[in-house]
């Protein structure tokens, strides 16, 4: 009897963990203002609970409307709501990339535009973890560059690198 209860308890915990992880997607704050307002409820008239700077990693869950419930960690508690087009969505397919730019290097930029600041330069042959970036629900021509802890550090133009997975 104890074995059956323990098995049921473990199965219940596994289902709960899968349900909480399901629908959680990784994205990055992406707004022309340089930050996004996180609101208490899914409405522009709702109170702002916090401002989050561009390129900050967010984990979001679509709510069925134009607002996403967001958290700062994959398994963390929701901190509020962000309008859908203020999040640059990354693919769940994190990959390994290599710089192939014929110029011998490529710039890692602060945002997904060549007019944004260069935060780092990577030489041809350098490898890194990255993720394709989607803006307003469409694939962009940019790859998010991640550090060793998989935190976003900037963006490179997709034609300057190659996926090596």
Protein backbone atom coordinates (compact mmCIF):
# COMPACT_ATOMS: atom_id res chain seq x y z
CA UNK A 1 0.00 0.00 0.00
CA UNK A 2 2.84 2.42 0.89
CA UNK A 3 4.55 1.62 -2.42
CA UNK A 4 1.38 2.47 -4.37
CA UNK A 5 0.95 5.76 -2.47
CA UNK A 6 4.59 6.68 -3.03
CA UNK A 7 4.27 5.86 -6.74
CA UNK A 8 1.11 7.96 -7.03
CA UNK A 9 2.77 10.84 -5.18
CA UNK A 10 5.82 10.73 -7.46
CA UNK A 11 3.63 10.56 -10.57
CA UNK A 12 1.61 13.53 -9.31
CA UNK A 13 4.78 15.55 -8.70
CA UNK A 14 6.08 14.75 -12.18
CA UNK A 15 2.79 15.80 -13.81
CA UNK A 16 2.76 19.04 -11.78
CA UNK A 17 6.36 19.82 -12.77
CA UNK A 18 5.63 19.17 -16.45
CA UNK A 19 2.48 21.31 -16.34
CA UNK A 20 4.29 24.23 -14.72
CA UNK A 21 7.11 24.05 -17.26
CA UNK A 22 4.74 23.63 -20.21
CA UNK A 23 4.06 26.88 -22.02
CA UNK A 24 7.10 28.63 -20.51
CA UNK A 25 9.15 30.12 -23.30
CA UNK A 26 12.39 32.06 -23.20
CA UNK A 27 12.45 35.56 -24.61
CA UNK A 28 14.26 38.86 -24.29
CA UNK A 29 12.98 42.35 -23.58
CA UNK A 30 12.92 44.23 -26.87
CA UNK A 31 11.52 47.76 -26.90
CA UNK A 32 12.57 50.96 -28.67
CA UNK A 33 12.40 52.75 -25.28
CA UNK A 34 15.21 50.52 -23.98
CA UNK A 35 12.97 48.94 -21.34
CA UNK A 36 9.53 47.46 -20.92
CA UNK A 37 6.88 48.04 -18.28
CA UNK A 38 5.74 44.93 -16.46
CA UNK A 39 2.16 45.43 -15.38
CA UNK A 40 0.13 43.96 -12.54
CA UNK A 41 -2.63 42.87 -14.93
CA UNK A 42 -2.92 42.44 -18.71
CA UNK A 43 -3.87 46.05 -19.47
CA UNK A 44 -2.10 49.34 -20.19
CA UNK A 45 -4.22 50.93 -17.48
CA UNK A 46 -2.92 48.45 -14.90
CA UNK A 47 -0.24 49.51 -12.42
CA UNK A 48 3.41 49.17 -13.44
CA UNK A 49 5.08 46.76 -11.03
CA UNK A 50 8.56 46.99 -12.50
CA UNK A 51 10.58 48.12 -15.50
CA UNK A 52 12.91 45.64 -17.18
CA UNK A 53 15.78 46.72 -19.44
CA UNK A 54 16.27 45.58 -23.04
CA UNK A 55 18.02 42.24 -23.56
CA UNK A 56 17.00 40.96 -20.13
CA UNK A 57 15.98 37.32 -20.34
CA UNK A 58 12.32 36.72 -19.51
CA UNK A 59 10.32 33.53 -19.35
CA UNK A 60 6.79 33.99 -20.59
CA UNK A 61 3.55 32.12 -20.89
CA UNK A 62 1.03 33.14 -23.53
CA UNK A 63 -2.30 33.93 -21.88
CA UNK A 64 -4.49 33.56 -24.94
CA UNK A 65 -4.57 37.29 -25.64
CA UNK A 66 -2.02 39.96 -26.51
CA UNK A 67 -0.35 39.84 -23.11
CA UNK A 68 2.21 37.39 -21.75
CA UNK A 69 2.63 36.51 -18.11
CA UNK A 70 6.36 36.79 -17.35
CA UNK A 71 8.93 35.69 -14.81
CA UNK A 72 12.66 36.28 -14.50
CA UNK A 73 13.57 32.59 -14.14
CA UNK A 74 12.35 29.46 -15.91
CA UNK A 75 10.63 28.08 -12.82
CA UNK A 76 10.11 31.36 -11.01
CA UNK A 77 6.94 33.04 -9.92
CA UNK A 78 5.25 35.39 -12.37
CA UNK A 79 6.11 39.06 -11.81
CA UNK A 80 3.40 40.48 -14.06
CA UNK A 81 2.34 40.96 -17.67
CA UNK A 82 4.06 42.32 -20.79
CA UNK A 83 2.48 43.11 -24.15
CA UNK A 84 3.46 40.39 -26.65
CA UNK A 85 5.38 42.55 -29.12
CA UNK A 86 7.77 43.83 -26.43
CA UNK A 87 9.39 40.41 -26.19
CA UNK A 88 11.87 39.10 -28.76
CA UNK A 89 11.20 35.41 -28.62
CA UNK A 90 14.01 32.94 -28.83
CA UNK A 91 13.75 29.47 -30.15
CA UNK A 92 13.76 26.72 -27.57
CA UNK A 93 16.53 25.26 -29.72
CA UNK A 94 19.65 26.66 -28.13
CA UNK A 95 22.54 25.80 -30.37
CA UNK A 96 26.25 25.97 -30.86
CA UNK A 97 27.50 28.47 -33.39
CA UNK A 98 30.83 29.44 -34.92
CA UNK A 99 31.81 32.85 -36.32
CA UNK A 100 32.37 32.55 -40.09
CA UNK A 101 32.53 36.22 -41.07
CA UNK A 102 34.94 36.70 -44.01
CA UNK A 103 36.11 39.97 -42.42
CA UNK A 104 37.79 37.87 -39.72
CA UNK A 105 35.52 39.02 -36.89
CA UNK A 106 31.95 39.96 -36.13
CA UNK A 107 30.49 42.45 -33.70
CA UNK A 108 28.18 41.42 -30.90
CA UNK A 109 25.67 44.24 -30.66
CA UNK A 110 23.52 45.51 -27.83
CA UNK A 111 20.35 45.16 -29.89
CA UNK A 112 19.09 43.73 -33.15
CA UNK A 113 20.28 46.62 -35.27
CA UNK A 114 23.64 47.66 -36.68
CA UNK A 115 23.04 51.09 -35.16
CA UNK A 116 23.22 49.71 -31.59
CA UNK A 117 26.43 49.69 -29.58
CA UNK A 118 29.05 46.98 -30.01
CA UNK A 119 29.43 45.12 -26.70
CA UNK A 120 32.00 42.57 -27.83
CA UNK A 121 33.95 41.45 -30.87
CA UNK A 122 34.33 37.75 -31.74
CA UNK A 123 36.98 36.47 -34.14
CA UNK A 124 36.34 34.03 -36.97
CA UNK A 125 36.42 30.51 -35.55
CA UNK A 126 35.13 31.53 -32.10
CA UNK A 127 32.33 29.28 -30.91
CA UNK A 128 29.40 30.28 -28.70
CA UNK A 129 25.96 29.21 -27.51
CA UNK A 130 23.17 31.07 -29.23
CA UNK A 131 19.50 31.17 -30.06
CA UNK A 132 17.55 32.38 -33.09
CA UNK A 133 15.54 35.50 -32.26
CA UNK A 134 11.95 36.21 -33.26
CA UNK A 135 10.62 39.78 -33.23
CA UNK A 136 6.88 40.43 -33.33
CA UNK A 137 6.40 36.72 -33.92
CA UNK A 138 8.59 36.59 -37.04
CA UNK A 139 12.07 35.14 -37.46
CA UNK A 140 14.67 37.90 -37.50
CA UNK A 141 18.11 37.91 -39.08
CA UNK A 142 19.76 37.92 -35.66
CA UNK A 143 21.16 35.30 -33.32
CA UNK A 144 21.21 35.93 -29.58
CA UNK A 145 24.66 35.32 -28.07
CA UNK A 146 24.64 33.64 -24.66
CA UNK A 147 27.38 33.46 -22.04
CA UNK A 148 28.39 30.29 -20.16
CA UNK A 149 25.38 30.62 -17.82
CA UNK A 150 23.09 31.06 -20.87
CA UNK A 151 22.44 34.73 -20.13
CA UNK A 152 22.00 36.94 -23.19
CA UNK A 153 24.98 39.23 -23.82
CA UNK A 154 24.05 40.58 -27.25
CA UNK A 155 23.23 39.80 -30.87
CA UNK A 156 25.10 38.89 -34.05
CA UNK A 157 23.87 39.04 -37.61
CA UNK A 158 22.91 35.51 -38.68
CA UNK A 159 24.86 35.58 -41.95
CA UNK A 160 28.10 36.10 -40.00
CA UNK A 161 27.82 32.82 -38.10
CA UNK A 162 26.93 29.17 -38.73
CA UNK A 163 25.09 26.67 -36.56
CA UNK A 164 27.43 23.71 -35.89
CA UNK A 165 24.95 21.34 -34.21
